[in-house]
Amino acid sequence: MQKRDIKEVHDLKERLGSEITLLDENDQEYPFHLLLELVANGKHYAYFKSPEEEDGEIEVLRVVGQDKDEYDLEFIDDDDEWEDAAELFDEWTVQDVE
């Protein structure tokens, strides 16, 4: 498989650190560990893992409204975009074995 043009960035980590508290729609707080931030095709994604998740499930959110001072995180509602973002993570974290 050929790697796409993917770039790792550290915008959120530099601004907020690697331990981030996210709020749900009811303002309930949940701690997450920021694993990775990737930019591909002009879209910025952040990959998180909850310390409470034992099965290794990763949460992926879209980073928007970035002006180096403010960042918003959005859930990805579009199934195709979510699949693409998940594939980006896999491509970036799995090394090619030759």
C-alpha atoms as a PDB file:
ATOM      1  CA  MET A   1       0.000   0.000   0.000  1.00  0.00           C
ATOM      2  CA  GLN A   2       1.342   3.410  -0.942  1.00  0.00           C
ATOM      3  CA  LYS A   3       1.290   6.117   1.731  1.00  0.00           C
ATOM      4  CA  ARG A   4      -0.819   9.171   1.071  1.00  0.00           C
ATOM      5  CA  ASP A   5       0.409  12.701   1.715  1.00  0.00           C
ATOM      6  CA  ILE A   6      -0.111  12.728   5.457  1.00  0.00           C
ATOM      7  CA  LYS A   7       1.547  15.160   7.847  1.00  0.00           C
ATOM      8  CA  GLU A   8       1.843  14.786  11.606  1.00  0.00           C
ATOM      9  CA  VAL A   9       1.257  18.003  13.544  1.00  0.00           C
ATOM     10  CA  HIS A  10       1.333  18.887  17.236  1.00  0.00           C
ATOM     11  CA  ASP A  11      -0.971  21.912  17.433  1.00  0.00           C
ATOM     12  CA  LEU A  12      -3.313  20.589  20.130  1.00  0.00           C
ATOM     13  CA  LYS A  13      -0.552  18.908  22.113  1.00  0.00           C
ATOM     14  CA  GLU A  14       1.549  22.084  22.177  1.00  0.00           C
ATOM     15  CA  ARG A  15      -1.434  24.170  23.248  1.00  0.00           C
ATOM     16  CA  LEU A  16      -3.304  21.789  25.566  1.00  0.00           C
ATOM     17  CA  GLY A  17      -0.911  18.974  26.450  1.00  0.00           C
ATOM     18  CA  SER A  18      -1.433  15.260  25.921  1.00  0.00           C
ATOM     19  CA  GLU A  19      -4.054  14.797  28.654  1.00  0.00           C
ATOM     20  CA  ILE A  20      -7.285  16.462  27.554  1.00  0.00           C
ATOM     21  CA  THR A  21     -10.726  16.587  29.112  1.00  0.00           C
ATOM     22  CA  LEU A  22     -13.542  16.464  26.568  1.00  0.00           C
ATOM     23  CA  LEU A  23     -17.156  17.382  27.245  1.00  0.00           C
ATOM     24  CA  ASP A  24     -20.161  15.542  25.858  1.00  0.00           C
ATOM     25  CA  GLU A  25     -23.453  17.184  24.873  1.00  0.00           C
ATOM     26  CA  ASN A  26     -24.516  17.154  28.562  1.00  0.00           C
ATOM     27  CA  ASP A  27     -21.288  18.834  29.720  1.00  0.00           C
ATOM     28  CA  GLN A  28     -20.139  15.570  31.307  1.00  0.00           C
ATOM     29  CA  GLU A  29     -16.321  15.525  31.490  1.00  0.00           C
ATOM     30  CA  TYR A  30     -14.250  12.633  30.158  1.00  0.00           C
ATOM     31  CA  PRO A  31     -10.443  12.385  30.328  1.00  0.00           C
ATOM     32  CA  PHE A  32      -8.613  11.370  27.148  1.00  0.00           C
ATOM     33  CA  HIS A  33      -5.011  10.904  26.094  1.00  0.00           C
ATOM     34  CA  LEU A  34      -4.103  12.620  22.816  1.00  0.00           C
ATOM     35  CA  LEU A  35      -2.276  10.010  20.758  1.00  0.00           C
ATOM     36  CA  LEU A  36      -1.730  11.687  17.422  1.00  0.00           C
ATOM     37  CA  GLU A  37      -2.726  14.574  15.160  1.00  0.00           C
ATOM     38  CA  LEU A  38      -2.674  14.156  11.398  1.00  0.00           C
ATOM     39  CA  VAL A  39      -3.427  16.495   8.503  1.00  0.00           C
ATOM     40  CA  ALA A  40      -4.392  15.080   5.105  1.00  0.00           C
ATOM     41  CA  ASN A  41      -6.149  16.761   2.196  1.00  0.00           C
ATOM     42  CA  GLY A  42      -6.555  19.945   4.220  1.00  0.00           C
ATOM     43  CA  LYS A  43      -8.358  18.188   7.080  1.00  0.00           C
ATOM     44  CA  HIS A  44      -6.925  18.004  10.587  1.00  0.00           C
ATOM     45  CA  TYR A  45      -7.781  14.984  12.756  1.00  0.00           C
ATOM     46  CA  ALA A  46      -6.988  14.203  16.386  1.00  0.00           C
ATOM     47  CA  TYR A  47      -6.866  10.641  17.729  1.00  0.00           C
ATOM     48  CA  PHE A  48      -7.656  10.002  21.378  1.00  0.00           C
ATOM     49  CA  LYS A  49      -7.755   7.058  23.753  1.00  0.00           C
ATOM     50  CA  SER A  50      -9.759   6.985  26.950  1.00  0.00           C
ATOM     51  CA  PRO A  51      -7.857   5.660  29.969  1.00  0.00           C
ATOM     52  CA  GLU A  52     -11.078   3.841  30.874  1.00  0.00           C
ATOM     53  CA  GLU A  53     -11.216   1.877  27.583  1.00  0.00           C
ATOM     54  CA  GLU A  54      -9.588  -1.507  27.907  1.00  0.00           C
ATOM     55  CA  ASP A  55     -10.258  -2.757  24.374  1.00  0.00           C
ATOM     56  CA  GLY A  56      -7.965  -0.203  22.746  1.00  0.00           C
ATOM     57  CA  GLU A  57     -10.709   1.680  20.916  1.00  0.00           C
ATOM     58  CA  ILE A  58      -9.517   4.990  19.487  1.00  0.00           C
ATOM     59  CA  GLU A  59     -11.721   8.078  19.152  1.00  0.00           C
ATOM     60  CA  VAL A  60     -11.128  10.296  16.141  1.00  0.00           C
ATOM     61  CA  LEU A  61     -12.330  13.895  15.991  1.00  0.00           C
ATOM     62  CA  ARG A  62     -12.002  16.600  13.362  1.00  0.00           C
ATOM     63  CA  VAL A  63     -10.095  19.717  14.452  1.00  0.00           C
ATOM     64  CA  VAL A  64     -11.697  22.902  13.082  1.00  0.00           C
ATOM     65  CA  GLY A  65     -11.689  26.642  13.557  1.00  0.00           C
ATOM     66  CA  GLN A  66      -7.988  26.674  14.106  1.00  0.00           C
ATOM     67  CA  ASP A  67      -6.365  30.067  14.238  1.00  0.00           C
ATOM     68  CA  LYS A  68      -3.479  28.989  16.492  1.00  0.00           C
ATOM     69  CA  ASP A  69      -5.396  30.401  19.468  1.00  0.00           C
ATOM     70  CA  GLU A  70      -8.667  28.480  19.309  1.00  0.00           C
ATOM     71  CA  TYR A  71      -9.432  24.893  18.383  1.00  0.00           C
ATOM     72  CA  ASP A  72     -12.797  23.186  18.137  1.00  0.00           C
ATOM     73  CA  LEU A  73     -13.219  19.428  18.033  1.00  0.00           C
ATOM     74  CA  GLU A  74     -16.111  17.926  16.103  1.00  0.00           C
ATOM     75  CA  PHE A  75     -17.451  14.420  15.879  1.00  0.00           C
ATOM     76  CA  ILE A  76     -17.330  13.078  12.328  1.00  0.00           C
ATOM     77  CA  ASP A  77     -20.903  12.337  11.249  1.00  0.00           C
ATOM     78  CA  ASP A  78     -20.126  11.315   7.676  1.00  0.00           C
ATOM     79  CA  ASP A  79     -19.334   7.575   7.525  1.00  0.00           C
ATOM     80  CA  ASP A  80     -17.000   7.926   4.534  1.00  0.00           C
ATOM     81  CA  GLU A  81     -14.978  10.687   6.175  1.00  0.00           C
ATOM     82  CA  TRP A  82     -14.784   8.698   9.426  1.00  0.00           C
ATOM     83  CA  GLU A  83     -13.515   5.630   7.532  1.00  0.00           C
ATOM     84  CA  ASP A  84     -10.941   7.775   5.733  1.00  0.00           C
ATOM     85  CA  ALA A  85      -9.746   9.287   9.028  1.00  0.00           C
ATOM     86  CA  ALA A  86      -9.474   5.808  10.580  1.00  0.00           C
ATOM     87  CA  GLU A  87      -7.462   4.593   7.569  1.00  0.00           C
ATOM     88  CA  LEU A  88      -5.118   7.587   7.955  1.00  0.00           C
ATOM     89  CA  PHE A  89      -4.377   6.490  11.509  1.00  0.00           C
ATOM     90  CA  ASP A  90      -3.715   2.925  10.373  1.00  0.00           C
ATOM     91  CA  GLU A  91      -1.456   4.053   7.518  1.00  0.00           C
ATOM     92  CA  TRP A  92       0.521   6.317   9.826  1.00  0.00           C
ATOM     93  CA  THR A  93       0.925   3.870  12.709  1.00  0.00           C
ATOM     94  CA  VAL A  94       1.505   0.609  10.816  1.00  0.00           C
ATOM     95  CA  GLN A  95       4.966   0.292   9.349  1.00  0.00           C
ATOM     96  CA  ASP A  96       5.393  -1.370   5.991  1.00  0.00           C
ATOM     97  CA  VAL A  97       7.038  -4.766   6.225  1.00  0.00           C
ATOM     98  CA  GLU A  98       9.086  -5.709   3.212  1.00  0.00           C
END
